[in-house]
Amino acid sequence: MTALFVSDLHLDASRPAATDCFLRFLAGPARDAGTLYVLGDLFEAWIGDDAAGPHERAILDALRRYTKAGYRCFLLRGNRDFLVGDLFAADTGVGLLADETRIELAGNQALLMHGDTLCTDDRSYQAYRRLVHRPAVQTLYLALPVRVRSGLAAYARRRSMAANAGKSAAIMDVNPSAVVDALRRHAVSLLIHGHTHRPAVHALEVDGRAARRIVLGAWYEQGSVLHWTTAGPELRNLSFG
């Protein structure tokens, strides 16, 4: 049966076309598959399970309808929605995966990642990531009022956009050695990830053996879905229209 993979939807009330496309996808094409994997950044920002507004609630409701209909869905948290927690999972029926999750895919062992930890050349981002993933930092942040959290998230996003404007594309892409290390560490020859917004299928070699790295696309101008069937992988686009 087909497995579907998406990443980097960055759903936000300011971008209704992307949200509408995802809701149609859940109600239609996603039901032709046995399992849907969301590899991070489902939302533009997730500031806590207790802070879902009407826009987020519509997405949660759609995910709950999808899983209640008998379809399996898993979320691997990204750099925008790393605060998704147990309440989200209970509300939607979506299973939460750890980054660097290994699955079996039509007889293949595959490694799933969001992809941000592979961008090791971006040292300032990696330092920021280590900070915000500290349990104590997250506990303090989640204790703040929703209004304050929202303001801090908007400020962090502005700072990130300004910082990224001065970085080269190479720095923000994956480091080849980090990719090989991840494949070797998990003893797999297939890696699927998002984050870089550069959809492609890359052939590489690890310890003399052929391997593949599949990058999922972002949902900015159109949807991007990886279909995996017995025939293999295929990246497809979804129209926002």
Protein backbone atom coordinates (compact mmCIF):
# COMPACT_ATOMS: atom_id res chain seq x y z
CA MET A 1 0.00 0.00 0.00
CA THR A 2 1.14 3.54 -0.70
CA ALA A 3 2.88 5.61 1.96
CA LEU A 4 2.82 9.38 1.64
CA PHE A 5 5.36 11.90 2.95
CA VAL A 6 5.02 15.67 3.29
CA SER A 7 7.07 18.31 5.04
CA ASP A 8 7.41 22.05 5.46
CA LEU A 9 3.79 22.99 4.91
CA HIS A 10 4.25 26.05 7.15
CA LEU A 11 0.49 26.35 7.55
CA ASP A 12 -0.60 29.76 8.78
CA ALA A 13 -3.78 31.83 8.71
CA SER A 14 -2.00 34.33 6.44
CA ARG A 15 -1.64 31.64 3.75
CA PRO A 16 -5.13 30.15 3.35
CA ALA A 17 -4.39 28.55 -0.04
CA ALA A 18 -1.84 26.18 1.50
CA THR A 19 -4.19 25.28 4.34
CA ASP A 20 -7.09 24.65 1.96
CA CYS A 21 -4.85 22.44 -0.17
CA PHE A 22 -3.83 20.36 2.85
CA LEU A 23 -7.42 19.98 4.04
CA ARG A 24 -8.47 18.79 0.57
CA PHE A 25 -5.50 16.43 0.56
CA LEU A 26 -6.54 14.88 3.89
CA ALA A 27 -10.13 14.48 2.73
CA GLY A 28 -9.19 13.01 -0.65
CA PRO A 29 -5.82 11.83 -2.03
CA ALA A 30 -4.33 11.01 1.38
CA ARG A 31 -7.05 8.40 1.83
CA ASP A 32 -5.63 6.35 -1.02
CA ALA A 33 -2.62 5.55 1.16
CA GLY A 34 -2.10 3.39 4.19
CA THR A 35 0.08 5.86 6.08
CA LEU A 36 0.83 9.58 5.99
CA TYR A 37 4.09 10.89 7.41
CA VAL A 38 4.52 14.61 8.14
CA LEU A 39 8.24 15.28 8.54
CA GLY A 40 8.11 18.56 10.41
CA ASP A 41 7.01 22.16 10.06
CA LEU A 42 3.35 21.37 9.60
CA PHE A 43 2.74 24.83 11.04
CA GLU A 44 4.53 28.11 10.48
CA ALA A 45 4.77 28.30 14.26
CA TRP A 46 3.45 26.15 17.09
CA ILE A 47 3.73 27.90 20.43
CA GLY A 48 2.14 25.17 22.56
CA ASP A 49 -0.70 22.68 22.52
CA ASP A 50 -2.79 25.05 24.62
CA ALA A 51 -2.52 27.91 22.14
CA ALA A 52 -4.38 26.60 19.08
CA GLY A 53 -6.58 29.25 17.49
CA PRO A 54 -9.41 28.80 14.95
CA HIS A 55 -6.99 28.23 12.07
CA GLU A 56 -5.01 25.58 13.93
CA ARG A 57 -8.20 24.03 15.26
CA ALA A 58 -9.50 23.45 11.72
CA ILE A 59 -6.33 21.53 10.92
CA LEU A 60 -6.48 19.50 14.14
CA ASP A 61 -10.11 18.61 13.42
CA ALA A 62 -9.21 17.47 9.90
CA LEU A 63 -6.38 15.30 11.22
CA ARG A 64 -8.72 13.76 13.79
CA ARG A 65 -11.27 12.94 11.07
CA TYR A 66 -8.48 11.34 9.03
CA THR A 67 -7.24 9.10 11.82
CA LYS A 68 -10.74 8.25 13.07
CA ALA A 69 -11.53 7.03 9.56
CA GLY A 70 -8.83 4.40 10.06
CA TYR A 71 -5.85 6.01 8.36
CA ARG A 72 -2.50 6.18 10.10
CA CYS A 73 -0.67 9.50 10.43
CA PHE A 74 2.66 10.27 12.07
CA LEU A 75 4.32 13.59 12.78
CA LEU A 76 8.06 14.12 13.16
CA ARG A 77 8.50 17.56 14.66
CA GLY A 78 10.52 20.22 12.82
CA ASN A 79 12.17 23.47 13.75
CA ARG A 80 8.86 25.38 13.64
CA ASP A 81 6.67 22.92 15.53
CA PHE A 82 9.07 21.25 17.96
CA LEU A 83 6.69 22.16 20.81
CA VAL A 84 3.95 19.85 19.53
CA GLY A 85 3.18 17.56 22.45
CA ASP A 86 0.99 14.89 23.95
CA LEU A 87 -2.18 16.98 23.93
CA PHE A 88 -1.86 17.47 20.16
CA ALA A 89 -1.38 13.72 19.73
CA ALA A 90 -4.38 12.84 21.89
CA ASP A 91 -6.56 15.43 20.13
CA THR A 92 -5.70 14.30 16.60
CA GLY A 93 -4.82 10.61 16.86
CA VAL A 94 -1.50 11.43 15.20
CA GLY A 95 1.53 9.48 16.40
CA LEU A 96 4.60 11.52 17.34
CA LEU A 97 7.97 10.34 16.07
CA ALA A 98 11.44 11.15 17.31
CA ASP A 99 13.83 12.79 14.91
CA GLU A 100 15.95 10.09 13.27
CA THR A 101 13.19 7.48 13.13
CA ARG A 102 13.83 4.29 11.20
CA ILE A 103 10.93 2.59 9.42
CA GLU A 104 10.39 -0.25 6.98
CA LEU A 105 9.15 0.95 3.62
CA ALA A 106 8.13 -1.68 1.06
CA GLY A 107 11.01 -3.89 2.11
CA ASN A 108 13.45 -1.00 2.47
CA GLN A 109 14.84 0.31 5.74
CA ALA A 110 14.43 4.09 5.66
CA LEU A 111 15.59 6.85 7.99
CA LEU A 112 13.19 9.75 8.52
CA MET A 113 14.43 13.15 9.68
CA HIS A 114 13.24 16.71 9.54
CA GLY A 115 16.65 17.65 8.18
CA ASP A 116 17.71 20.68 10.20
CA THR A 117 20.30 18.72 12.19
CA LEU A 118 22.01 17.84 8.89
CA CYS A 119 22.76 21.53 8.22
CA THR A 120 25.84 21.47 10.43
CA ASP A 121 27.62 24.28 8.57
CA ASP A 122 25.00 26.71 9.89
CA ARG A 123 26.61 26.97 13.30
CA SER A 124 24.50 29.85 14.57
CA TYR A 125 21.30 27.92 13.87
CA GLN A 126 22.65 24.77 15.51
CA ALA A 127 23.50 26.77 18.65
CA TYR A 128 19.99 28.23 18.67
CA ARG A 129 18.50 24.76 18.20
CA ARG A 130 20.41 23.35 21.14
CA LEU A 131 19.14 26.22 23.29
CA VAL A 132 15.44 25.93 22.46
CA HIS A 133 15.46 22.15 22.80
CA ARG A 134 16.59 22.30 26.41
CA PRO A 135 13.71 21.03 28.59
CA ALA A 136 14.16 23.86 31.09
CA VAL A 137 13.92 26.50 28.35
CA GLN A 138 10.77 24.90 26.94
CA THR A 139 9.18 24.66 30.38
CA LEU A 140 9.81 28.36 31.02
CA TYR A 141 8.49 29.34 27.59
CA LEU A 142 5.32 27.26 27.89
CA ALA A 143 4.61 28.82 31.28
CA LEU A 144 4.31 32.26 29.69
CA PRO A 145 0.91 33.68 28.63
CA VAL A 146 -0.09 32.80 25.07
CA ARG A 147 0.06 36.46 24.03
CA VAL A 148 3.67 36.71 25.21
CA ARG A 149 4.65 33.44 23.54
CA SER A 150 3.11 34.64 20.28
CA GLY A 151 5.09 37.87 20.41
CA LEU A 152 8.35 36.05 21.15
CA ALA A 153 7.74 33.61 18.28
CA ALA A 154 7.11 36.49 15.85
CA TYR A 155 10.28 38.22 17.04
CA ALA A 156 12.33 35.04 16.64
CA ARG A 157 10.99 34.58 13.13
CA ARG A 158 11.97 38.14 12.14
CA ARG A 159 15.44 37.61 13.56
CA SER A 160 15.75 34.30 11.69
CA MET A 161 14.71 35.85 8.37
CA ALA A 162 17.21 38.67 8.80
CA ALA A 163 20.00 36.25 9.70
CA ASN A 164 19.22 33.90 6.79
CA ALA A 165 19.32 36.77 4.33
CA GLY A 166 23.03 37.07 5.00
CA LYS A 167 23.83 33.36 4.73
CA SER A 168 24.88 31.53 1.59
CA ALA A 169 22.66 28.79 0.17
CA ALA A 170 25.46 26.28 0.79
CA ILE A 171 25.57 27.04 4.52
CA MET A 172 21.83 26.46 4.87
CA ASP A 173 21.91 23.18 2.94
CA VAL A 174 22.80 19.79 4.39
CA ASN A 175 26.40 18.88 5.04
CA PRO A 176 27.34 15.78 2.96
CA SER A 177 29.36 14.28 5.81
CA ALA A 178 26.39 14.67 8.17
CA VAL A 179 24.19 12.81 5.68
CA VAL A 180 26.66 9.93 5.36
CA ASP A 181 27.08 9.79 9.12
CA ALA A 182 23.31 9.52 9.66
CA LEU A 183 22.96 6.74 7.09
CA ARG A 184 25.93 4.87 8.53
CA ARG A 185 24.77 5.30 12.13
CA HIS A 186 21.38 3.76 11.36
CA ALA A 187 22.72 1.18 8.88
CA VAL A 188 20.32 2.25 6.12
CA SER A 189 20.70 3.27 2.50
CA LEU A 190 17.63 5.53 2.29
CA LEU A 191 17.10 8.90 3.96
CA ILE A 192 13.93 11.00 3.61
CA HIS A 193 13.85 14.54 4.99
CA GLY A 194 12.61 18.08 4.47
CA HIS A 195 13.72 21.45 5.88
CA THR A 196 15.85 22.67 2.97
CA HIS A 197 12.87 23.18 0.62
CA ARG A 198 14.82 21.64 -2.29
CA PRO A 199 12.80 18.63 -3.51
CA ALA A 200 14.95 16.06 -5.27
CA VAL A 201 16.18 12.48 -5.26
CA HIS A 202 19.93 12.32 -4.71
CA ALA A 203 22.06 9.26 -5.41
CA LEU A 204 25.14 8.78 -3.23
CA GLU A 205 27.50 6.12 -1.99
CA VAL A 206 28.10 5.06 1.60
CA ASP A 207 30.94 2.64 2.34
CA GLY A 208 30.87 1.38 -1.23
CA ARG A 209 27.11 0.83 -1.30
CA ALA A 210 24.54 2.79 -3.27
CA ALA A 211 22.24 5.01 -1.20
CA ARG A 212 19.53 7.62 -1.78
CA ARG A 213 18.55 10.86 -0.11
CA ILE A 214 15.05 12.11 -0.91
CA VAL A 215 14.25 15.74 -0.07
CA LEU A 216 10.64 16.86 0.29
CA GLY A 217 9.43 20.20 -1.04
CA ALA A 218 7.85 23.11 0.83
CA TRP A 219 4.22 24.15 0.44
CA TYR A 220 4.74 27.78 -0.56
CA GLU A 221 3.48 27.96 -4.17
CA GLN A 222 2.12 24.41 -4.43
CA GLY A 223 1.88 21.25 -2.39
CA SER A 224 4.64 18.65 -2.50
CA VAL A 225 4.08 14.96 -1.73
CA LEU A 226 6.33 11.93 -1.93
CA HIS A 227 4.40 8.81 -2.97
CA TRP A 228 6.05 5.50 -2.14
CA THR A 229 4.56 2.39 -3.73
CA THR A 230 5.92 -1.01 -4.67
CA ALA A 231 7.19 0.71 -7.83
CA GLY A 232 9.34 3.06 -5.74
CA PRO A 233 9.33 6.78 -4.93
CA GLU A 234 7.73 9.60 -6.88
CA LEU A 235 7.62 13.28 -5.96
CA ARG A 236 4.34 14.90 -7.01
CA ASN A 237 2.97 18.45 -6.80
CA LEU A 238 -0.47 19.55 -5.65
CA SER A 239 -2.08 22.66 -7.07
CA PHE A 240 -3.31 25.35 -4.71
CA GLY A 241 -6.02 26.20 -7.20
